[in-house]
PDB file of all heavy atoms in Angstrom:
ATOM      1  N   ASN A   1      88.214  89.178  90.983  1.00  0.00           N
ATOM      2  CA  ASN A   1      87.979  89.842  92.375  1.00  0.00           C
ATOM      3  C   ASN A   1      89.005  90.856  92.606  1.00  0.00           C
ATOM      4  O   ASN A   1      88.607  91.763  93.413  1.00  0.00           O
ATOM      5  CB  ASN A   1      88.216  88.698  93.285  1.00  0.00           C
ATOM      6  CG  ASN A   1      86.970  87.719  93.435  1.00  0.00           C
ATOM      7  OD1 ASN A   1      85.918  88.132  93.627  1.00  0.00           O
ATOM      8  ND2 ASN A   1      87.085  86.424  93.032  1.00  0.00           N
ATOM      9  N   VAL A   2      90.111  91.010  91.898  1.00  0.00           N
ATOM     10  CA  VAL A   2      91.007  92.157  91.999  1.00  0.00           C
ATOM     11  C   VAL A   2      90.118  93.278  91.353  1.00  0.00           C
ATOM     12  O   VAL A   2      90.033  94.454  91.908  1.00  0.00           O
ATOM     13  CB  VAL A   2      92.297  91.934  91.276  1.00  0.00           C
ATOM     14  CG1 VAL A   2      93.019  93.203  90.961  1.00  0.00           C
ATOM     15  CG2 VAL A   2      93.234  91.075  92.089  1.00  0.00           C
ATOM     16  N   VAL A   3      89.527  93.193  90.255  1.00  0.00           N
ATOM     17  CA  VAL A   3      88.609  94.175  89.613  1.00  0.00           C
ATOM     18  C   VAL A   3      87.675  94.592  90.674  1.00  0.00           C
ATOM     19  O   VAL A   3      87.331  95.823  90.852  1.00  0.00           O
ATOM     20  CB  VAL A   3      88.033  93.770  88.335  1.00  0.00           C
ATOM     21  CG1 VAL A   3      87.060  94.706  87.784  1.00  0.00           C
ATOM     22  CG2 VAL A   3      89.196  93.532  87.238  1.00  0.00           C
ATOM     23  N   ARG A   4      86.887  93.688  91.247  1.00  0.00           N
ATOM     24  CA  ARG A   4      85.798  94.011  92.175  1.00  0.00           C
ATOM     25  C   ARG A   4      86.433  94.876  93.261  1.00  0.00           C
ATOM     26  O   ARG A   4      85.792  95.741  93.809  1.00  0.00           O
ATOM     27  CB  ARG A   4      85.139  92.633  92.615  1.00  0.00           C
ATOM     28  CG  ARG A   4      84.318  91.887  91.528  1.00  0.00           C
ATOM     29  CD  ARG A   4      83.493  90.929  92.246  1.00  0.00           C
ATOM     30  NE  ARG A   4      82.605  91.435  93.170  1.00  0.00           N
ATOM     31  CZ  ARG A   4      81.909  90.613  94.008  1.00  0.00           C
ATOM     32  NH1 ARG A   4      82.120  89.245  94.164  1.00  0.00           N
ATOM     33  NH2 ARG A   4      80.995  91.137  94.891  1.00  0.00           N
ATOM     34  N   ALA A   5      87.562  94.312  93.842  1.00  0.00           N
ATOM     35  CA  ALA A   5      88.194  95.037  94.957  1.00  0.00           C
ATOM     36  C   ALA A   5      88.567  96.485  94.577  1.00  0.00           C
ATOM     37  O   ALA A   5      88.344  97.375  95.393  1.00  0.00           O
ATOM     38  CB  ALA A   5      89.411  94.340  95.448  1.00  0.00           C
ATOM     39  N   LEU A   6      89.081  96.661  93.387  1.00  0.00           N
ATOM     40  CA  LEU A   6      89.457  98.018  92.963  1.00  0.00           C
ATOM     41  C   LEU A   6      88.226  98.946  92.855  1.00  0.00           C
ATOM     42  O   LEU A   6      88.385 100.066  93.238  1.00  0.00           O
ATOM     43  CB  LEU A   6      90.115  97.913  91.618  1.00  0.00           C
ATOM     44  CG  LEU A   6      91.609  97.230  91.660  1.00  0.00           C
ATOM     45  CD1 LEU A   6      92.046  96.901  90.225  1.00  0.00           C
ATOM     46  CD2 LEU A   6      92.613  98.291  92.301  1.00  0.00           C
ATOM     47  N   ASN A   7      87.124  98.299  92.312  1.00  0.00           N
ATOM     48  CA  ASN A   7      85.874  99.159  92.219  1.00  0.00           C
ATOM     49  C   ASN A   7      85.408  99.539  93.639  1.00  0.00           C
ATOM     50  O   ASN A   7      84.884 100.751  93.704  1.00  0.00           O
ATOM     51  CB  ASN A   7      84.893  98.399  91.344  1.00  0.00           C
ATOM     52  CG  ASN A   7      85.237  98.168  89.981  1.00  0.00           C
ATOM     53  OD1 ASN A   7      85.990  98.919  89.386  1.00  0.00           O
ATOM     54  ND2 ASN A   7      84.647  97.237  89.370  1.00  0.00           N
ATOM     55  N   LEU A   8      85.446  98.723  94.543  1.00  0.00           N
ATOM     56  CA  LEU A   8      85.002  98.958  95.907  1.00  0.00           C
ATOM     57  C   LEU A   8      85.932 100.056  96.573  1.00  0.00           C
ATOM     58  O   LEU A   8      85.487 100.996  97.104  1.00  0.00           O
ATOM     59  CB  LEU A   8      85.020  97.740  96.773  1.00  0.00           C
ATOM     60  CG  LEU A   8      83.886  96.782  96.531  1.00  0.00           C
ATOM     61  CD1 LEU A   8      84.217  95.449  97.342  1.00  0.00           C
ATOM     62  CD2 LEU A   8      82.596  97.351  96.881  1.00  0.00           C
ATOM     63  N   LEU A   9      87.189  99.891  96.321  1.00  0.00           N
ATOM     64  CA  LEU A   9      88.237 100.691  96.935  1.00  0.00           C
ATOM     65  C   LEU A   9      88.184 102.176  96.261  1.00  0.00           C
ATOM     66  O   LEU A   9      88.404 103.197  97.092  1.00  0.00           O
ATOM     67  CB  LEU A   9      89.645 100.255  96.774  1.00  0.00           C
ATOM     68  CG  LEU A   9      90.823 100.868  97.347  1.00  0.00           C
ATOM     69  CD1 LEU A   9      90.552 101.180  98.834  1.00  0.00           C
ATOM     70  CD2 LEU A   9      92.073 100.023  97.167  1.00  0.00           C
ATOM     71  N   SER A  10      87.769 102.188  95.025  1.00  0.00           N
ATOM     72  CA  SER A  10      87.707 103.540  94.412  1.00  0.00           C
ATOM     73  C   SER A  10      86.725 104.410  94.973  1.00  0.00           C
ATOM     74  O   SER A  10      86.825 105.642  94.890  1.00  0.00           O
ATOM     75  CB  SER A  10      87.547 103.275  92.833  1.00  0.00           C
ATOM     76  OG  SER A  10      86.099 102.814  92.767  1.00  0.00           O
ATOM     77  N   THR A  11      85.813 104.056  95.798  1.00  0.00           N
ATOM     78  CA  THR A  11      84.844 104.687  96.409  1.00  0.00           C
ATOM     79  C   THR A  11      85.255 105.407  97.669  1.00  0.00           C
ATOM     80  O   THR A  11      84.649 106.307  98.199  1.00  0.00           O
ATOM     81  CB  THR A  11      83.412 104.063  96.609  1.00  0.00           C
ATOM     82  OG1 THR A  11      83.643 102.958  97.621  1.00  0.00           O
ATOM     83  CG2 THR A  11      82.963 103.496  95.365  1.00  0.00           C
ATOM     84  N   ALA A  12      86.442 104.923  98.044  1.00  0.00           N
ATOM     85  CA  ALA A  12      86.875 105.558  99.474  1.00  0.00           C
ATOM     86  C   ALA A  12      87.352 107.086  99.094  1.00  0.00           C
ATOM     87  O   ALA A  12      87.707 107.530  98.096  1.00  0.00           O
ATOM     88  CB  ALA A  12      88.224 104.893  99.916  1.00  0.00           C
ATOM     89  N   THR A  13      87.138 107.809 100.229  1.00  0.00           N
ATOM     90  CA  THR A  13      87.319 109.370 100.057  1.00  0.00           C
ATOM     91  C   THR A  13      88.878 109.729 100.302  1.00  0.00           C
ATOM     92  O   THR A  13      89.080 110.869 100.280  1.00  0.00           O
ATOM     93  CB  THR A  13      86.463 110.104 101.020  1.00  0.00           C
ATOM     94  OG1 THR A  13      86.710 109.641 102.316  1.00  0.00           O
ATOM     95  CG2 THR A  13      85.000 109.808 100.735  1.00  0.00           C
ATOM     96  N   ASP A  14      89.739 108.792 100.697  1.00  0.00           N
ATOM     97  CA  ASP A  14      91.202 109.096 100.989  1.00  0.00           C
ATOM     98  C   ASP A  14      91.841 109.598  99.754  1.00  0.00           C
ATOM     99  O   ASP A  14      91.447 109.291  98.603  1.00  0.00           O
ATOM    100  CB  ASP A  14      91.768 107.784 101.444  1.00  0.00           C
ATOM    101  CG  ASP A  14      91.070 107.206 102.750  1.00  0.00           C
ATOM    102  OD1 ASP A  14      90.099 106.608 102.501  1.00  0.00           O
ATOM    103  OD2 ASP A  14      91.648 107.507 103.733  1.00  0.00           O
ATOM    104  N   GLU A  15      92.911 110.440 100.059  1.00  0.00           N
ATOM    105  CA  GLU A  15      93.517 110.956  98.938  1.00  0.00           C
ATOM    106  C   GLU A  15      94.204 110.058  97.976  1.00  0.00           C
ATOM    107  O   GLU A  15      94.317 110.197  96.872  1.00  0.00           O
ATOM    108  CB  GLU A  15      94.575 112.068  99.541  1.00  0.00           C
ATOM    109  CG  GLU A  15      95.236 112.909  98.438  1.00  0.00           C
ATOM    110  CD  GLU A  15      96.024 114.044  99.033  1.00  0.00           C
ATOM    111  OE1 GLU A  15      95.932 114.284 100.174  1.00  0.00           O
ATOM    112  OE2 GLU A  15      96.799 114.758  98.294  1.00  0.00           O
ATOM    113  N   HIS A  16      94.751 108.945  98.567  1.00  0.00           N
ATOM    114  CA  HIS A  16      95.473 107.930  97.916  1.00  0.00           C
ATOM    115  C   HIS A  16      94.882 106.578  98.291  1.00  0.00           C
ATOM    116  O   HIS A  16      94.211 106.460  99.390  1.00  0.00           O
ATOM    117  CB  HIS A  16      96.953 107.927  98.121  1.00  0.00           C
ATOM    118  CG  HIS A  16      97.479 109.295  97.707  1.00  0.00           C
ATOM    119  ND1 HIS A  16      97.653 109.759  96.407  1.00  0.00           N
ATOM    120  CD2 HIS A  16      98.055 110.208  98.464  1.00  0.00           C
ATOM    121  CE1 HIS A  16      98.142 110.864  96.422  1.00  0.00           C
ATOM    122  NE2 HIS A  16      98.525 111.224  97.702  1.00  0.00           N
ATOM    123  N   LYS A  17      94.938 105.606  97.458  1.00  0.00           N
ATOM    124  CA  LYS A  17      94.387 104.323  97.679  1.00  0.00           C
ATOM    125  C   LYS A  17      95.432 103.149  97.230  1.00  0.00           C
ATOM    126  O   LYS A  17      96.082 103.260  96.190  1.00  0.00           O
ATOM    127  CB  LYS A  17      93.022 104.087  96.929  1.00  0.00           C
ATOM    128  CG  LYS A  17      92.032 105.198  97.263  1.00  0.00           C
ATOM    129  CD  LYS A  17      90.871 105.074  96.358  1.00  0.00           C
ATOM    130  CE  LYS A  17      90.007 106.236  96.653  1.00  0.00           C
ATOM    131  NZ  LYS A  17      90.414 107.537  96.139  1.00  0.00           N
ATOM    132  N   VAL A  18      95.466 102.072  97.962  1.00  0.00           N
ATOM    133  CA  VAL A  18      96.264 100.970  97.621  1.00  0.00           C
ATOM    134  C   VAL A  18      95.595  99.670  97.828  1.00  0.00           C
ATOM    135  O   VAL A  18      94.935  99.543  98.918  1.00  0.00           O
ATOM    136  CB  VAL A  18      97.505 100.968  98.611  1.00  0.00           C
ATOM    137  CG1 VAL A  18      98.335  99.664  98.532  1.00  0.00           C
ATOM    138  CG2 VAL A  18      98.555 102.085  98.261  1.00  0.00           C
ATOM    139  N   LEU A  19      95.670  98.743  96.927  1.00  0.00           N
ATOM    140  CA  LEU A  19      95.176  97.460  97.042  1.00  0.00           C
ATOM    141  C   LEU A  19      96.286  96.490  97.296  1.00  0.00           C
ATOM    142  O   LEU A  19      97.097  96.383  96.534  1.00  0.00           O
ATOM    143  CB  LEU A  19      94.192  97.036  95.830  1.00  0.00           C
ATOM    144  CG  LEU A  19      93.820  95.559  95.852  1.00  0.00           C
ATOM    145  CD1 LEU A  19      92.756  95.384  96.837  1.00  0.00           C
ATOM    146  CD2 LEU A  19      93.191  95.061  94.384  1.00  0.00           C
ATOM    147  N   MET A  20      96.256  95.788  98.446  1.00  0.00           N
ATOM    148  CA  MET A  20      97.256  94.799  98.827  1.00  0.00           C
ATOM    149  C   MET A  20      96.733  93.472  98.738  1.00  0.00           C
ATOM    150  O   MET A  20      95.849  93.085  99.542  1.00  0.00           O
ATOM    151  CB  MET A  20      97.833  95.113 100.073  1.00  0.00           C
ATOM    152  CG  MET A  20      98.962  94.424 100.611  1.00  0.00           C
ATOM    153  SD  MET A  20      99.803  94.977 102.193  1.00  0.00           S
ATOM    154  CE  MET A  20     100.508  96.670 101.676  1.00  0.00           C
ATOM    155  N   VAL A  21      97.260  92.670  97.747  1.00  0.00           N
ATOM    156  CA  VAL A  21      96.752  91.456  97.445  1.00  0.00           C
ATOM    157  C   VAL A  21      97.758  90.303  98.064  1.00  0.00           C
ATOM    158  O   VAL A  21      98.942  90.311  97.653  1.00  0.00           O
ATOM    159  CB  VAL A  21      96.614  91.222  95.802  1.00  0.00           C
ATOM    160  CG1 VAL A  21      96.025  89.670  95.640  1.00  0.00           C
ATOM    161  CG2 VAL A  21      95.747  92.236  95.290  1.00  0.00           C
ATOM    162  N   LEU A  22      97.241  89.446  98.783  1.00  0.00           N
ATOM    163  CA  LEU A  22      97.959  88.363  99.391  1.00  0.00           C
ATOM    164  C   LEU A  22      97.542  87.093  98.845  1.00  0.00           C
ATOM    165  O   LEU A  22      96.375  86.583  99.028  1.00  0.00           O
ATOM    166  CB  LEU A  22      97.842  88.257 101.018  1.00  0.00           C
ATOM    167  CG  LEU A  22      98.314  89.532 101.830  1.00  0.00           C
ATOM    168  CD1 LEU A  22      97.386  90.681 101.644  1.00  0.00           C
ATOM    169  CD2 LEU A  22      98.578  89.177 103.299  1.00  0.00           C
ATOM    170  N   SER A  23      98.365  86.392  98.023  1.00  0.00           N
ATOM    171  CA  SER A  23      97.950  85.284  97.233  1.00  0.00           C
ATOM    172  C   SER A  23      99.135  84.517  96.784  1.00  0.00           C
ATOM    173  O   SER A  23     100.373  84.878  96.943  1.00  0.00           O
ATOM    174  CB  SER A  23      97.140  85.690  96.027  1.00  0.00           C
ATOM    175  OG  SER A  23      96.927  84.792  95.078  1.00  0.00           O
ATOM    176  N   ASP A  24      98.760  83.287  96.154  1.00  0.00           N
ATOM    177  CA  ASP A  24      99.858  82.528  95.533  1.00  0.00           C
ATOM    178  C   ASP A  24     100.070  82.932  93.961  1.00  0.00           C
ATOM    179  O   ASP A  24     100.950  82.301  93.269  1.00  0.00           O
ATOM    180  CB  ASP A  24      99.669  81.019  95.618  1.00  0.00           C
ATOM    181  CG  ASP A  24      98.401  80.550  95.160  1.00  0.00           C
ATOM    182  OD1 ASP A  24      97.750  81.206  94.276  1.00  0.00           O
ATOM    183  OD2 ASP A  24      98.050  79.419  95.608  1.00  0.00           O
ATOM    184  N   GLY A  25      99.036  83.748  93.439  1.00  0.00           N
ATOM    185  CA  GLY A  25      99.120  84.106  92.163  1.00  0.00           C
ATOM    186  C   GLY A  25      98.617  83.209  91.156  1.00  0.00           C
ATOM    187  O   GLY A  25      98.468  83.456  89.891  1.00  0.00           O
ATOM    188  N   LEU A  26      98.131  82.019  91.544  1.00  0.00           N
ATOM    189  CA  LEU A  26      97.584  81.158  90.716  1.00  0.00           C
ATOM    190  C   LEU A  26      96.074  81.511  90.341  1.00  0.00           C
ATOM    191  O   LEU A  26      95.215  81.723  91.312  1.00  0.00           O
ATOM    192  CB  LEU A  26      97.596  79.748  91.189  1.00  0.00           C
ATOM    193  CG  LEU A  26      99.002  79.206  91.505  1.00  0.00           C
ATOM    194  CD1 LEU A  26      98.966  77.868  92.135  1.00  0.00           C
ATOM    195  CD2 LEU A  26      99.784  79.196  90.176  1.00  0.00           C
ATOM    196  N   ALA A  27      95.776  81.660  89.100  1.00  0.00           N
ATOM    197  CA  ALA A  27      94.312  82.178  88.771  1.00  0.00           C
ATOM    198  C   ALA A  27      93.651  81.120  87.762  1.00  0.00           C
ATOM    199  O   ALA A  27      94.305  80.462  87.003  1.00  0.00           O
ATOM    200  CB  ALA A  27      94.493  83.384  87.953  1.00  0.00           C
ATOM    201  N   GLU A  28      92.313  80.939  88.035  1.00  0.00           N
ATOM    202  CA  GLU A  28      91.555  80.072  87.248  1.00  0.00           C
ATOM    203  C   GLU A  28      90.413  80.787  86.524  1.00  0.00           C
ATOM    204  O   GLU A  28      89.476  80.231  86.193  1.00  0.00           O
ATOM    205  CB  GLU A  28      90.975  78.910  88.178  1.00  0.00           C
ATOM    206  CG  GLU A  28      92.087  78.144  88.882  1.00  0.00           C
ATOM    207  CD  GLU A  28      91.384  77.270  89.929  1.00  0.00           C
ATOM    208  OE1 GLU A  28      91.001  77.688  90.980  1.00  0.00           O
ATOM    209  OE2 GLU A  28      91.288  75.989  89.582  1.00  0.00           O
ATOM    210  N   ASP A  29      90.642  82.128  86.267  1.00  0.00           N
ATOM    211  CA  ASP A  29      89.621  83.007  85.564  1.00  0.00           C
ATOM    212  C   ASP A  29      89.469  82.444  84.113  1.00  0.00           C
ATOM    213  O   ASP A  29      90.578  81.985  83.560  1.00  0.00           O
ATOM    214  CB  ASP A  29      90.119  84.399  85.619  1.00  0.00           C
ATOM    215  CG  ASP A  29      90.173  84.950  86.982  1.00  0.00           C
ATOM    216  OD1 ASP A  29      91.141  84.754  87.670  1.00  0.00           O
ATOM    217  OD2 ASP A  29      89.248  85.693  87.249  1.00  0.00           O
TER     218      ASP A  29
END
């Protein structure tokens, strides 16, 4: 989902982009 969010965010027209993830960091991928 971080990859998905990055792909979505990459389409924004802003000069710079930041993904801010709020999590406990535990992954089950």
